[in-house]
Amino acid sequence: MHYCEEENLYLVTQCDSNSHHTVWGSTNYNDRGVTLLEILNSSNLEILNQGNDSTYCSARRLELNDIILGSFALLENLKGWEVSSEPSLLDRRHFLFTLEGTLQVCLIMNPRCTNWDLF
């Protein structure tokens, strides 16, 4: 996040944080949600989710606790947001959206941060 701010780059990231907060449509809130909201309030990031479709679906509950975070400047370029109804073979649903305009894209995945024991 700080790198993107320093380099004047846009940032979009999926956040599977298990953070619940009514601000982004969860049915309740927890300590993680309160902490994440405090971080977002002091950053250049916005919650890009639109609507209140559940992103976590299990046999016991539906919840909106997966969020897409992005640079504030991307809000005007975000179009066609939806949570997919297609099966994902997981308990998470896919996000679909379009970013309009001319944006340079750089996908970064850091396998060193993966907990391979849990994977």
N, C-alpha and C. Protein backbone atom coordinates (compact mmCIF):
# COMPACT_ATOMS: atom_id res chain seq x y z
N MET A 1 0.83 -1.18 0.00
CA MET A 1 0.00 0.00 0.00
C MET A 1 0.88 1.25 0.00
N HIS A 2 1.89 1.26 0.87
CA HIS A 2 2.76 2.44 0.95
C HIS A 2 3.58 2.60 -0.32
N TYR A 3 4.02 1.48 -0.90
CA TYR A 3 4.78 1.54 -2.15
C TYR A 3 3.95 2.18 -3.25
N CYS A 4 2.69 1.76 -3.38
CA CYS A 4 1.81 2.32 -4.41
C CYS A 4 1.59 3.81 -4.18
N GLU A 5 1.43 4.22 -2.94
CA GLU A 5 1.27 5.64 -2.65
C GLU A 5 2.51 6.42 -3.03
N GLU A 6 3.70 5.90 -2.67
CA GLU A 6 4.95 6.58 -2.99
C GLU A 6 5.20 6.68 -4.48
N GLU A 7 4.82 5.64 -5.22
CA GLU A 7 5.06 5.60 -6.67
C GLU A 7 3.87 6.12 -7.48
N ASN A 8 2.84 6.62 -6.80
CA ASN A 8 1.64 7.14 -7.45
C ASN A 8 0.99 6.09 -8.35
N LEU A 9 0.85 4.87 -7.81
CA LEU A 9 0.25 3.76 -8.53
C LEU A 9 -1.10 3.43 -7.91
N TYR A 10 -2.00 2.91 -8.74
CA TYR A 10 -3.28 2.42 -8.24
C TYR A 10 -3.08 1.04 -7.64
N LEU A 11 -3.91 0.68 -6.69
CA LEU A 11 -3.83 -0.62 -6.05
C LEU A 11 -5.22 -1.23 -5.99
N VAL A 12 -5.32 -2.51 -6.37
CA VAL A 12 -6.54 -3.29 -6.19
C VAL A 12 -6.12 -4.62 -5.58
N THR A 13 -6.76 -5.01 -4.48
CA THR A 13 -6.42 -6.27 -3.84
C THR A 13 -7.66 -6.89 -3.21
N GLN A 14 -7.72 -8.21 -3.30
CA GLN A 14 -8.80 -8.93 -2.61
C GLN A 14 -8.36 -9.16 -1.18
N CYS A 15 -9.27 -9.00 -0.26
CA CYS A 15 -8.96 -9.13 1.15
C CYS A 15 -9.86 -10.20 1.77
N ASP A 16 -9.30 -11.38 1.97
CA ASP A 16 -9.99 -12.46 2.67
C ASP A 16 -9.51 -12.42 4.11
N SER A 17 -10.01 -11.46 4.85
CA SER A 17 -9.45 -11.13 6.16
C SER A 17 -10.21 -11.73 7.34
N ASN A 18 -11.35 -12.37 7.04
CA ASN A 18 -12.24 -12.82 8.11
C ASN A 18 -12.61 -11.65 9.03
N SER A 19 -12.62 -10.47 8.45
CA SER A 19 -13.01 -9.26 9.18
C SER A 19 -14.47 -8.98 8.90
N HIS A 20 -15.25 -8.88 9.94
CA HIS A 20 -16.67 -8.59 9.80
C HIS A 20 -16.93 -7.16 10.25
N HIS A 21 -17.70 -6.44 9.46
CA HIS A 21 -18.16 -5.12 9.87
C HIS A 21 -19.37 -4.75 9.05
N THR A 22 -20.32 -4.10 9.69
CA THR A 22 -21.54 -3.71 8.99
C THR A 22 -21.27 -2.66 7.92
N VAL A 23 -20.14 -1.97 8.00
CA VAL A 23 -19.79 -0.96 7.00
C VAL A 23 -19.71 -1.58 5.61
N TRP A 24 -19.18 -2.79 5.48
CA TRP A 24 -19.11 -3.43 4.17
C TRP A 24 -20.13 -4.54 4.00
N GLY A 25 -21.15 -4.57 4.83
CA GLY A 25 -22.29 -5.44 4.60
C GLY A 25 -22.34 -6.71 5.41
N SER A 26 -21.40 -6.93 6.32
CA SER A 26 -21.47 -8.10 7.19
C SER A 26 -22.67 -7.97 8.12
N THR A 27 -23.13 -9.09 8.63
CA THR A 27 -24.29 -9.07 9.53
C THR A 27 -23.90 -8.70 10.96
N ASN A 28 -22.60 -8.68 11.24
CA ASN A 28 -22.12 -8.32 12.58
C ASN A 28 -20.73 -7.71 12.42
N TYR A 29 -20.06 -7.46 13.53
CA TYR A 29 -18.67 -7.01 13.45
C TYR A 29 -17.85 -7.74 14.49
N ASN A 30 -16.53 -7.83 14.22
CA ASN A 30 -15.61 -8.42 15.17
C ASN A 30 -14.40 -7.50 15.32
N ASP A 31 -13.46 -7.87 16.18
CA ASP A 31 -12.28 -7.02 16.43
C ASP A 31 -11.47 -6.81 15.15
N ARG A 32 -11.35 -7.85 14.32
CA ARG A 32 -10.62 -7.70 13.06
C ARG A 32 -11.27 -6.66 12.16
N GLY A 33 -12.61 -6.67 12.12
CA GLY A 33 -13.33 -5.70 11.32
C GLY A 33 -13.13 -4.28 11.81
N VAL A 34 -13.15 -4.10 13.11
CA VAL A 34 -12.93 -2.76 13.69
C VAL A 34 -11.52 -2.28 13.36
N THR A 35 -10.53 -3.18 13.50
CA THR A 35 -9.14 -2.81 13.20
C THR A 35 -8.97 -2.48 11.72
N LEU A 36 -9.54 -3.32 10.84
CA LEU A 36 -9.43 -3.06 9.40
C LEU A 36 -10.09 -1.74 9.03
N LEU A 37 -11.22 -1.42 9.62
CA LEU A 37 -11.88 -0.15 9.35
C LEU A 37 -11.01 1.03 9.79
N GLU A 38 -10.34 0.90 10.92
CA GLU A 38 -9.42 1.96 11.38
C GLU A 38 -8.28 2.14 10.40
N ILE A 39 -7.74 1.04 9.87
CA ILE A 39 -6.66 1.12 8.89
C ILE A 39 -7.15 1.81 7.62
N LEU A 40 -8.33 1.41 7.16
CA LEU A 40 -8.88 2.02 5.94
C LEU A 40 -9.15 3.50 6.12
N ASN A 41 -9.61 3.90 7.30
CA ASN A 41 -9.87 5.31 7.56
C ASN A 41 -8.61 6.16 7.55
N SER A 42 -7.45 5.54 7.77
CA SER A 42 -6.20 6.29 7.78
C SER A 42 -5.38 6.03 6.52
N SER A 43 -5.99 5.47 5.49
CA SER A 43 -5.24 5.14 4.27
C SER A 43 -5.92 5.77 3.05
N ASN A 44 -5.34 5.50 1.91
CA ASN A 44 -5.87 5.96 0.63
C ASN A 44 -6.73 4.87 -0.02
N LEU A 45 -7.09 3.83 0.74
CA LEU A 45 -7.85 2.72 0.18
C LEU A 45 -9.33 2.84 0.48
N GLU A 46 -10.12 2.36 -0.45
CA GLU A 46 -11.57 2.34 -0.32
C GLU A 46 -12.06 0.92 -0.52
N ILE A 47 -13.21 0.61 0.01
CA ILE A 47 -13.86 -0.67 -0.25
C ILE A 47 -14.57 -0.53 -1.58
N LEU A 48 -14.20 -1.38 -2.54
CA LEU A 48 -14.77 -1.28 -3.88
C LEU A 48 -16.05 -2.11 -4.05
N ASN A 49 -16.35 -2.98 -3.08
CA ASN A 49 -17.57 -3.79 -3.19
C ASN A 49 -18.78 -2.89 -3.39
N GLN A 50 -19.71 -3.35 -4.22
CA GLN A 50 -20.98 -2.65 -4.41
C GLN A 50 -22.09 -3.66 -4.17
N GLY A 51 -23.12 -3.25 -3.49
CA GLY A 51 -24.22 -4.15 -3.17
C GLY A 51 -23.94 -4.91 -1.90
N ASN A 52 -24.80 -5.88 -1.61
CA ASN A 52 -24.64 -6.63 -0.37
C ASN A 52 -24.80 -8.13 -0.59
N ASP A 53 -24.38 -8.63 -1.77
CA ASP A 53 -24.42 -10.06 -2.03
C ASP A 53 -23.38 -10.78 -1.18
N SER A 54 -23.75 -11.94 -0.67
CA SER A 54 -22.85 -12.73 0.17
C SER A 54 -21.64 -13.19 -0.65
N THR A 55 -20.48 -13.12 -0.03
CA THR A 55 -19.25 -13.59 -0.68
C THR A 55 -18.76 -14.89 -0.07
N TYR A 56 -19.23 -15.21 1.11
CA TYR A 56 -18.90 -16.47 1.79
C TYR A 56 -20.19 -17.26 1.92
N CYS A 57 -20.19 -18.47 1.40
CA CYS A 57 -21.40 -19.30 1.41
C CYS A 57 -21.05 -20.69 1.92
N SER A 58 -21.62 -21.05 3.05
CA SER A 58 -21.44 -22.41 3.57
C SER A 58 -22.83 -22.97 3.88
N ALA A 59 -22.87 -24.20 4.30
CA ALA A 59 -24.15 -24.83 4.63
C ALA A 59 -24.81 -24.14 5.83
N ARG A 60 -23.99 -23.50 6.68
CA ARG A 60 -24.52 -22.90 7.91
C ARG A 60 -24.82 -21.41 7.80
N ARG A 61 -24.14 -20.70 6.89
CA ARG A 61 -24.36 -19.26 6.85
C ARG A 61 -23.92 -18.63 5.55
N LEU A 62 -24.47 -17.46 5.30
CA LEU A 62 -24.07 -16.59 4.20
C LEU A 62 -23.53 -15.31 4.84
N GLU A 63 -22.43 -14.81 4.31
CA GLU A 63 -21.81 -13.63 4.93
C GLU A 63 -21.08 -12.83 3.87
N LEU A 64 -20.98 -11.54 4.07
CA LEU A 64 -20.19 -10.68 3.20
C LEU A 64 -18.97 -10.25 4.02
N ASN A 65 -17.90 -11.06 3.93
CA ASN A 65 -16.69 -10.68 4.66
C ASN A 65 -15.45 -10.68 3.78
N ASP A 66 -15.60 -10.98 2.49
CA ASP A 66 -14.50 -10.84 1.55
C ASP A 66 -14.70 -9.51 0.83
N ILE A 67 -13.67 -8.71 0.81
CA ILE A 67 -13.81 -7.38 0.21
C ILE A 67 -12.67 -7.13 -0.76
N ILE A 68 -12.95 -6.26 -1.72
CA ILE A 68 -11.93 -5.78 -2.65
C ILE A 68 -11.58 -4.37 -2.20
N LEU A 69 -10.30 -4.14 -1.97
CA LEU A 69 -9.81 -2.83 -1.59
C LEU A 69 -9.10 -2.21 -2.77
N GLY A 70 -9.26 -0.92 -2.95
CA GLY A 70 -8.60 -0.25 -4.06
C GLY A 70 -8.35 1.20 -3.76
N SER A 71 -7.48 1.78 -4.56
CA SER A 71 -7.16 3.20 -4.44
C SER A 71 -8.42 4.03 -4.66
N PHE A 72 -8.55 5.08 -3.90
CA PHE A 72 -9.72 5.96 -3.98
C PHE A 72 -9.97 6.43 -5.41
N ALA A 73 -8.91 6.73 -6.14
CA ALA A 73 -9.04 7.25 -7.50
C ALA A 73 -9.68 6.25 -8.46
N LEU A 74 -9.74 4.97 -8.10
CA LEU A 74 -10.33 3.96 -8.98
C LEU A 74 -11.86 3.95 -8.93
N LEU A 75 -12.45 4.56 -7.94
CA LEU A 75 -13.91 4.51 -7.79
C LEU A 75 -14.64 4.98 -9.04
N GLU A 76 -14.14 6.03 -9.68
CA GLU A 76 -14.82 6.54 -10.88
C GLU A 76 -14.64 5.63 -12.09
N ASN A 77 -13.66 4.72 -12.05
CA ASN A 77 -13.41 3.81 -13.16
C ASN A 77 -14.07 2.45 -12.98
N LEU A 78 -14.67 2.20 -11.83
CA LEU A 78 -15.24 0.90 -11.50
C LEU A 78 -16.63 0.78 -12.10
N LYS A 79 -16.83 -0.24 -12.92
CA LYS A 79 -18.12 -0.45 -13.58
C LYS A 79 -18.52 -1.91 -13.49
N GLY A 80 -19.81 -2.18 -13.48
CA GLY A 80 -20.32 -3.53 -13.61
C GLY A 80 -19.98 -4.47 -12.48
N TRP A 81 -19.96 -3.97 -11.25
CA TRP A 81 -19.60 -4.80 -10.09
C TRP A 81 -20.66 -5.86 -9.84
N GLU A 82 -20.24 -7.12 -9.61
CA GLU A 82 -21.18 -8.15 -9.17
C GLU A 82 -20.43 -9.28 -8.49
N VAL A 83 -21.14 -9.99 -7.65
CA VAL A 83 -20.63 -11.22 -7.06
C VAL A 83 -21.21 -12.35 -7.90
N SER A 84 -20.34 -13.17 -8.46
CA SER A 84 -20.76 -14.20 -9.40
C SER A 84 -21.61 -15.27 -8.71
N SER A 85 -22.60 -15.75 -9.43
CA SER A 85 -23.41 -16.86 -8.94
C SER A 85 -22.88 -18.20 -9.44
N GLU A 86 -21.83 -18.18 -10.26
CA GLU A 86 -21.22 -19.40 -10.77
C GLU A 86 -20.55 -20.16 -9.62
N PRO A 87 -20.65 -21.49 -9.60
CA PRO A 87 -19.96 -22.27 -8.57
C PRO A 87 -18.45 -22.07 -8.65
N SER A 88 -17.81 -21.96 -7.50
CA SER A 88 -16.36 -21.74 -7.48
C SER A 88 -15.60 -22.94 -6.93
N LEU A 89 -16.31 -23.97 -6.49
CA LEU A 89 -15.72 -25.16 -5.86
C LEU A 89 -15.09 -24.84 -4.52
N LEU A 90 -15.35 -23.66 -4.00
CA LEU A 90 -14.89 -23.25 -2.67
C LEU A 90 -16.09 -22.67 -1.94
N ASP A 91 -15.88 -22.22 -0.72
CA ASP A 91 -16.96 -21.55 0.00
C ASP A 91 -16.97 -20.05 -0.27
N ARG A 92 -16.12 -19.60 -1.18
CA ARG A 92 -16.04 -18.20 -1.56
C ARG A 92 -16.63 -18.02 -2.95
N ARG A 93 -17.24 -16.87 -3.20
CA ARG A 93 -17.77 -16.56 -4.52
C ARG A 93 -16.83 -15.58 -5.21
N HIS A 94 -16.78 -15.64 -6.53
CA HIS A 94 -15.90 -14.77 -7.32
C HIS A 94 -16.50 -13.38 -7.48
N PHE A 95 -15.62 -12.38 -7.57
CA PHE A 95 -16.02 -11.01 -7.86
C PHE A 95 -15.82 -10.76 -9.35
N LEU A 96 -16.72 -10.04 -9.96
CA LEU A 96 -16.58 -9.63 -11.35
C LEU A 96 -16.77 -8.12 -11.42
N PHE A 97 -15.85 -7.44 -12.09
CA PHE A 97 -15.99 -6.01 -12.27
C PHE A 97 -15.09 -5.57 -13.41
N THR A 98 -15.32 -4.38 -13.91
CA THR A 98 -14.53 -3.81 -14.99
C THR A 98 -13.96 -2.48 -14.52
N LEU A 99 -12.70 -2.27 -14.84
CA LEU A 99 -12.10 -0.96 -14.62
C LEU A 99 -11.96 -0.30 -15.98
N GLU A 100 -12.67 0.80 -16.18
CA GLU A 100 -12.63 1.49 -17.46
C GLU A 100 -11.50 2.50 -17.47
N GLY A 101 -11.05 2.82 -18.67
CA GLY A 101 -9.99 3.80 -18.84
C GLY A 101 -8.68 3.12 -19.15
N THR A 102 -7.64 3.89 -19.20
CA THR A 102 -6.31 3.39 -19.50
C THR A 102 -5.52 3.30 -18.20
N LEU A 103 -5.28 2.05 -17.79
CA LEU A 103 -4.55 1.81 -16.56
C LEU A 103 -3.46 0.79 -16.83
N GLN A 104 -2.28 1.01 -16.31
CA GLN A 104 -1.21 0.04 -16.42
C GLN A 104 -1.44 -1.03 -15.36
N VAL A 105 -1.35 -2.30 -15.76
CA VAL A 105 -1.63 -3.41 -14.85
C VAL A 105 -0.35 -4.16 -14.55
N CYS A 106 -0.14 -4.45 -13.29
CA CYS A 106 1.00 -5.24 -12.84
C CYS A 106 0.49 -6.20 -11.77
N LEU A 107 0.45 -7.49 -12.09
CA LEU A 107 -0.01 -8.49 -11.13
C LEU A 107 1.17 -8.97 -10.31
N ILE A 108 1.02 -8.95 -9.00
CA ILE A 108 2.10 -9.35 -8.11
C ILE A 108 1.58 -10.40 -7.15
N MET A 109 2.24 -11.54 -7.12
CA MET A 109 1.95 -12.57 -6.13
C MET A 109 3.28 -12.93 -5.48
N ASN A 110 3.29 -12.98 -4.18
CA ASN A 110 4.51 -13.28 -3.46
C ASN A 110 4.38 -14.64 -2.79
N PRO A 111 4.91 -15.71 -3.42
CA PRO A 111 4.78 -17.04 -2.84
C PRO A 111 5.52 -17.19 -1.52
N ARG A 112 6.45 -16.31 -1.22
CA ARG A 112 7.16 -16.38 0.06
C ARG A 112 6.23 -16.09 1.23
N CYS A 113 5.12 -15.41 0.96
CA CYS A 113 4.16 -15.10 2.02
C CYS A 113 3.13 -16.21 2.23
N THR A 114 3.19 -17.25 1.42
CA THR A 114 2.21 -18.34 1.53
C THR A 114 2.57 -19.25 2.69
N ASN A 115 1.59 -19.59 3.48
CA ASN A 115 1.77 -20.57 4.54
C ASN A 115 1.55 -21.93 3.91
N TRP A 116 2.61 -22.58 3.47
CA TRP A 116 2.51 -23.82 2.71
C TRP A 116 1.98 -24.97 3.56
N ASP A 117 2.16 -24.91 4.87
CA ASP A 117 1.59 -25.96 5.73
C ASP A 117 0.07 -25.93 5.70
N LEU A 118 -0.49 -24.71 5.70
CA LEU A 118 -1.94 -24.58 5.61
C LEU A 118 -2.45 -24.82 4.21
N PHE A 119 -1.62 -24.49 3.20
CA PHE A 119 -2.02 -24.63 1.81
C PHE A 119 -2.20 -26.11 1.49
